[in-house]
N, C-alpha and C. Protein backbone atom coordinates (compact mmCIF):
# COMPACT_ATOMS: atom_id res chain seq x y z
N MET A 1 0.84 -1.18 0.00
CA MET A 1 0.00 0.00 0.00
C MET A 1 0.89 1.25 0.00
N ILE A 2 0.47 2.25 -0.70
CA ILE A 2 1.19 3.51 -0.78
C ILE A 2 1.02 4.25 0.55
N ASN A 3 2.11 4.78 1.09
CA ASN A 3 2.06 5.56 2.31
C ASN A 3 1.93 7.03 1.92
N MET A 4 0.75 7.59 2.12
CA MET A 4 0.56 8.99 1.77
C MET A 4 -0.42 9.64 2.73
N ILE A 5 -0.57 10.90 2.61
CA ILE A 5 -1.49 11.65 3.45
C ILE A 5 -2.92 11.17 3.18
N SER A 6 -3.76 11.25 4.16
CA SER A 6 -5.12 10.72 4.02
C SER A 6 -6.07 11.72 3.35
N PRO A 7 -7.10 11.19 2.69
CA PRO A 7 -8.13 12.07 2.13
C PRO A 7 -8.76 12.95 3.20
N LYS A 8 -8.90 12.41 4.41
CA LYS A 8 -9.49 13.17 5.52
C LYS A 8 -8.65 14.43 5.81
N LYS A 9 -7.33 14.29 5.86
CA LYS A 9 -6.45 15.43 6.12
C LYS A 9 -6.49 16.43 4.96
N ILE A 10 -6.50 15.93 3.75
CA ILE A 10 -6.58 16.80 2.57
C ILE A 10 -7.86 17.64 2.63
N HIS A 11 -8.99 16.97 2.90
CA HIS A 11 -10.27 17.69 2.95
C HIS A 11 -10.30 18.69 4.11
N ARG A 12 -9.79 18.28 5.25
CA ARG A 12 -9.77 19.18 6.41
C ARG A 12 -8.99 20.45 6.08
N CYS A 13 -7.87 20.31 5.40
CA CYS A 13 -7.08 21.46 4.99
C CYS A 13 -7.88 22.37 4.05
N ALA A 14 -8.57 21.78 3.08
CA ALA A 14 -9.37 22.58 2.14
C ALA A 14 -10.47 23.33 2.86
N VAL A 15 -11.10 22.68 3.83
CA VAL A 15 -12.14 23.35 4.62
C VAL A 15 -11.53 24.50 5.42
N GLU A 16 -10.41 24.24 6.08
CA GLU A 16 -9.75 25.27 6.90
C GLU A 16 -9.28 26.45 6.07
N LYS A 17 -8.95 26.21 4.80
CA LYS A 17 -8.48 27.29 3.93
C LYS A 17 -9.63 28.01 3.22
N GLY A 18 -10.89 27.63 3.55
CA GLY A 18 -12.05 28.36 3.06
C GLY A 18 -12.64 27.89 1.74
N TRP A 19 -12.18 26.75 1.21
CA TRP A 19 -12.64 26.31 -0.09
C TRP A 19 -14.01 25.67 -0.09
N TRP A 20 -14.60 25.47 1.09
CA TRP A 20 -15.92 24.85 1.16
C TRP A 20 -16.96 25.75 1.82
N GLU A 21 -16.69 27.05 1.95
CA GLU A 21 -17.62 27.95 2.62
C GLU A 21 -18.98 28.02 1.93
N SER A 22 -18.99 28.00 0.62
CA SER A 22 -20.27 28.12 -0.10
C SER A 22 -20.71 26.79 -0.71
N GLY A 23 -19.98 25.73 -0.45
CA GLY A 23 -20.34 24.44 -1.04
C GLY A 23 -19.93 24.40 -2.50
N ARG A 24 -19.87 23.20 -3.03
CA ARG A 24 -19.48 23.02 -4.42
C ARG A 24 -20.28 21.88 -5.02
N SER A 25 -20.65 22.01 -6.28
CA SER A 25 -21.40 20.96 -6.96
C SER A 25 -20.44 19.91 -7.51
N VAL A 26 -20.97 18.74 -7.78
CA VAL A 26 -20.15 17.68 -8.37
C VAL A 26 -19.58 18.12 -9.73
N PRO A 27 -20.37 18.74 -10.61
CA PRO A 27 -19.76 19.21 -11.87
C PRO A 27 -18.61 20.18 -11.66
N GLU A 28 -18.73 21.08 -10.70
CA GLU A 28 -17.64 22.01 -10.42
C GLU A 28 -16.40 21.26 -9.95
N LEU A 29 -16.59 20.30 -9.05
CA LEU A 29 -15.47 19.52 -8.53
C LEU A 29 -14.77 18.74 -9.65
N LEU A 30 -15.54 18.16 -10.54
CA LEU A 30 -14.95 17.42 -11.66
C LEU A 30 -14.20 18.36 -12.60
N CYS A 31 -14.73 19.56 -12.80
CA CYS A 31 -14.03 20.54 -13.64
C CYS A 31 -12.71 20.96 -13.00
N LEU A 32 -12.68 21.07 -11.68
CA LEU A 32 -11.43 21.40 -10.99
C LEU A 32 -10.39 20.30 -11.18
N ILE A 33 -10.83 19.04 -11.13
CA ILE A 33 -9.92 17.93 -11.38
C ILE A 33 -9.41 18.00 -12.82
N HIS A 34 -10.34 18.23 -13.73
CA HIS A 34 -9.98 18.33 -15.16
C HIS A 34 -8.98 19.45 -15.39
N SER A 35 -9.15 20.57 -14.71
CA SER A 35 -8.21 21.68 -14.89
C SER A 35 -6.80 21.29 -14.44
N GLU A 36 -6.71 20.48 -13.39
CA GLU A 36 -5.39 20.01 -12.95
C GLU A 36 -4.78 19.06 -13.97
N VAL A 37 -5.60 18.22 -14.60
CA VAL A 37 -5.11 17.33 -15.65
C VAL A 37 -4.57 18.17 -16.81
N SER A 38 -5.31 19.23 -17.17
CA SER A 38 -4.85 20.12 -18.24
C SER A 38 -3.54 20.80 -17.88
N GLU A 39 -3.37 21.18 -16.61
CA GLU A 39 -2.12 21.80 -16.18
C GLU A 39 -0.97 20.79 -16.25
N ALA A 40 -1.24 19.53 -15.96
CA ALA A 40 -0.20 18.49 -16.08
C ALA A 40 0.21 18.35 -17.55
N LEU A 41 -0.76 18.39 -18.44
CA LEU A 41 -0.45 18.31 -19.86
C LEU A 41 0.42 19.49 -20.29
N GLU A 42 0.10 20.67 -19.81
CA GLU A 42 0.90 21.84 -20.14
C GLU A 42 2.31 21.74 -19.57
N ALA A 43 2.44 21.18 -18.38
CA ALA A 43 3.77 20.96 -17.79
C ALA A 43 4.60 20.06 -18.70
N TYR A 44 3.94 19.02 -19.22
CA TYR A 44 4.62 18.10 -20.14
C TYR A 44 4.99 18.81 -21.44
N ARG A 45 4.01 19.49 -22.03
CA ARG A 45 4.24 20.18 -23.31
C ARG A 45 5.34 21.22 -23.21
N ASN A 46 5.39 21.91 -22.08
CA ASN A 46 6.36 22.99 -21.90
C ASN A 46 7.67 22.52 -21.27
N SER A 47 7.78 21.21 -21.04
CA SER A 47 9.00 20.62 -20.46
C SER A 47 9.45 21.37 -19.21
N ILE A 48 8.50 21.64 -18.31
CA ILE A 48 8.84 22.34 -17.07
C ILE A 48 9.68 21.38 -16.21
N PRO A 49 10.88 21.79 -15.84
CA PRO A 49 11.76 20.91 -15.08
C PRO A 49 11.19 20.54 -13.71
N GLU A 50 11.43 19.30 -13.30
CA GLU A 50 11.00 18.87 -11.97
C GLU A 50 11.60 19.80 -10.92
N GLY A 51 10.78 20.17 -9.96
CA GLY A 51 11.21 21.09 -8.91
C GLY A 51 10.79 22.52 -9.18
N ASP A 52 10.52 22.85 -10.44
CA ASP A 52 10.04 24.19 -10.77
C ASP A 52 8.53 24.27 -10.54
N LYS A 53 8.04 25.47 -10.29
CA LYS A 53 6.61 25.70 -10.12
C LYS A 53 5.87 25.23 -11.37
N GLY A 54 4.81 24.43 -11.17
CA GLY A 54 4.02 23.95 -12.29
C GLY A 54 4.59 22.73 -12.99
N CYS A 55 5.57 22.06 -12.38
CA CYS A 55 6.14 20.86 -13.00
C CYS A 55 5.15 19.70 -12.94
N MET A 56 5.45 18.65 -13.68
CA MET A 56 4.57 17.49 -13.80
C MET A 56 4.21 16.89 -12.44
N SER A 57 5.20 16.67 -11.57
CA SER A 57 4.90 16.03 -10.28
C SER A 57 3.96 16.90 -9.44
N GLU A 58 4.13 18.21 -9.50
CA GLU A 58 3.26 19.12 -8.75
C GLU A 58 1.83 19.03 -9.28
N GLU A 59 1.67 19.01 -10.58
CA GLU A 59 0.33 18.96 -11.17
C GLU A 59 -0.33 17.61 -10.93
N LEU A 60 0.44 16.52 -11.00
CA LEU A 60 -0.14 15.21 -10.69
C LEU A 60 -0.57 15.15 -9.22
N ALA A 61 0.24 15.75 -8.34
CA ALA A 61 -0.14 15.82 -6.92
C ALA A 61 -1.44 16.60 -6.76
N ASP A 62 -1.59 17.69 -7.50
CA ASP A 62 -2.82 18.48 -7.42
C ASP A 62 -4.04 17.67 -7.84
N ILE A 63 -3.88 16.81 -8.84
CA ILE A 63 -4.99 15.94 -9.27
C ILE A 63 -5.41 15.05 -8.11
N ILE A 64 -4.45 14.42 -7.47
CA ILE A 64 -4.75 13.52 -6.35
C ILE A 64 -5.38 14.29 -5.20
N ILE A 65 -4.86 15.48 -4.91
CA ILE A 65 -5.43 16.30 -3.84
C ILE A 65 -6.88 16.63 -4.14
N ARG A 66 -7.18 17.02 -5.37
CA ARG A 66 -8.57 17.33 -5.73
C ARG A 66 -9.48 16.11 -5.60
N VAL A 67 -9.00 14.95 -6.04
CA VAL A 67 -9.79 13.71 -5.94
C VAL A 67 -10.02 13.35 -4.47
N PHE A 68 -8.97 13.44 -3.66
CA PHE A 68 -9.12 13.15 -2.23
C PHE A 68 -10.12 14.09 -1.58
N ASP A 69 -10.02 15.37 -1.88
CA ASP A 69 -10.92 16.36 -1.29
C ASP A 69 -12.37 16.07 -1.67
N MET A 70 -12.59 15.84 -2.95
CA MET A 70 -13.94 15.56 -3.44
C MET A 70 -14.51 14.28 -2.83
N SER A 71 -13.71 13.23 -2.85
CA SER A 71 -14.22 11.94 -2.35
C SER A 71 -14.55 12.02 -0.87
N GLU A 72 -13.73 12.70 -0.10
CA GLU A 72 -14.01 12.84 1.33
C GLU A 72 -15.29 13.63 1.56
N ARG A 73 -15.47 14.70 0.80
CA ARG A 73 -16.69 15.52 0.94
C ARG A 73 -17.93 14.70 0.60
N LEU A 74 -17.82 13.81 -0.39
CA LEU A 74 -18.96 13.00 -0.82
C LEU A 74 -19.12 11.72 0.00
N GLY A 75 -18.24 11.50 0.96
CA GLY A 75 -18.34 10.31 1.79
C GLY A 75 -17.89 9.03 1.09
N ILE A 76 -17.02 9.18 0.11
CA ILE A 76 -16.50 8.03 -0.63
C ILE A 76 -15.15 7.66 -0.03
N ASP A 77 -14.98 6.40 0.34
CA ASP A 77 -13.69 5.92 0.82
C ASP A 77 -12.84 5.61 -0.41
N ILE A 78 -12.11 6.61 -0.87
CA ILE A 78 -11.38 6.50 -2.13
C ILE A 78 -10.22 5.52 -2.03
N VAL A 79 -9.60 5.40 -0.87
CA VAL A 79 -8.51 4.44 -0.71
C VAL A 79 -9.05 3.03 -0.88
N GLU A 80 -10.18 2.75 -0.27
CA GLU A 80 -10.81 1.43 -0.43
C GLU A 80 -11.22 1.21 -1.88
N ALA A 81 -11.78 2.23 -2.52
CA ALA A 81 -12.22 2.11 -3.91
C ALA A 81 -11.04 1.83 -4.84
N VAL A 82 -9.91 2.49 -4.62
CA VAL A 82 -8.73 2.27 -5.46
C VAL A 82 -8.21 0.85 -5.25
N ASN A 83 -8.14 0.43 -4.01
CA ASN A 83 -7.67 -0.94 -3.74
C ASN A 83 -8.59 -1.98 -4.37
N LYS A 84 -9.89 -1.76 -4.27
CA LYS A 84 -10.86 -2.69 -4.86
C LYS A 84 -10.71 -2.73 -6.38
N LYS A 85 -10.57 -1.56 -6.99
CA LYS A 85 -10.42 -1.49 -8.45
C LYS A 85 -9.10 -2.13 -8.89
N TYR A 86 -8.04 -1.90 -8.13
CA TYR A 86 -6.75 -2.52 -8.44
C TYR A 86 -6.86 -4.04 -8.40
N ASP A 87 -7.49 -4.55 -7.35
CA ASP A 87 -7.67 -6.01 -7.23
C ASP A 87 -8.46 -6.55 -8.42
N PHE A 88 -9.50 -5.83 -8.85
CA PHE A 88 -10.28 -6.24 -10.01
C PHE A 88 -9.42 -6.22 -11.28
N ASN A 89 -8.62 -5.16 -11.44
CA ASN A 89 -7.77 -5.05 -12.63
C ASN A 89 -6.76 -6.19 -12.72
N LEU A 90 -6.34 -6.72 -11.59
CA LEU A 90 -5.43 -7.86 -11.60
C LEU A 90 -6.06 -9.08 -12.27
N THR A 91 -7.39 -9.18 -12.26
CA THR A 91 -8.08 -10.33 -12.84
C THR A 91 -8.34 -10.18 -14.33
N ARG A 92 -8.09 -9.00 -14.87
CA ARG A 92 -8.38 -8.75 -16.27
C ARG A 92 -7.31 -9.35 -17.17
N PRO A 93 -7.69 -9.71 -18.40
CA PRO A 93 -6.70 -10.23 -19.33
C PRO A 93 -5.79 -9.12 -19.86
N TYR A 94 -4.70 -9.53 -20.47
CA TYR A 94 -3.75 -8.61 -21.06
C TYR A 94 -4.45 -7.68 -22.05
N ARG A 95 -4.24 -6.39 -21.90
CA ARG A 95 -4.83 -5.35 -22.77
C ARG A 95 -6.30 -5.61 -23.04
N HIS A 96 -7.03 -5.85 -21.98
CA HIS A 96 -8.46 -6.15 -22.05
C HIS A 96 -9.23 -5.09 -22.84
N GLY A 97 -10.29 -5.52 -23.48
CA GLY A 97 -11.16 -4.60 -24.19
C GLY A 97 -10.71 -4.24 -25.59
N GLY A 98 -9.55 -4.70 -26.01
CA GLY A 98 -9.09 -4.46 -27.37
C GLY A 98 -8.77 -3.00 -27.65
N LYS A 99 -8.55 -2.20 -26.61
CA LYS A 99 -8.27 -0.78 -26.79
C LYS A 99 -6.84 -0.58 -27.25
N VAL A 100 -6.63 0.46 -28.04
CA VAL A 100 -5.30 0.79 -28.55
C VAL A 100 -4.49 1.52 -27.49
N ALA A 101 -5.10 2.45 -26.78
CA ALA A 101 -4.38 3.23 -25.76
C ALA A 101 -5.13 3.23 -24.46
């Protein structure tokens, strides 16, 4: 299992920093996650060096932070869900579904 900060702590920080004062809709939360994915793509496209502001690792971390925050707010045990999905993926055949990418 990956040793990382908990979704509970991530969400608590977001609440303490005022990001939940007016509430947020699920579409808004998903758009925030999407915006972080877009920033990761831009980090890649612009070859931002690791350690610099806006680098790939920072943007990928932001994606996880947004997912943790959202899942905790919605009462979803995301760590359990990831573990369950991982276990299921282990049972799938090689390149299941015939997808190219």
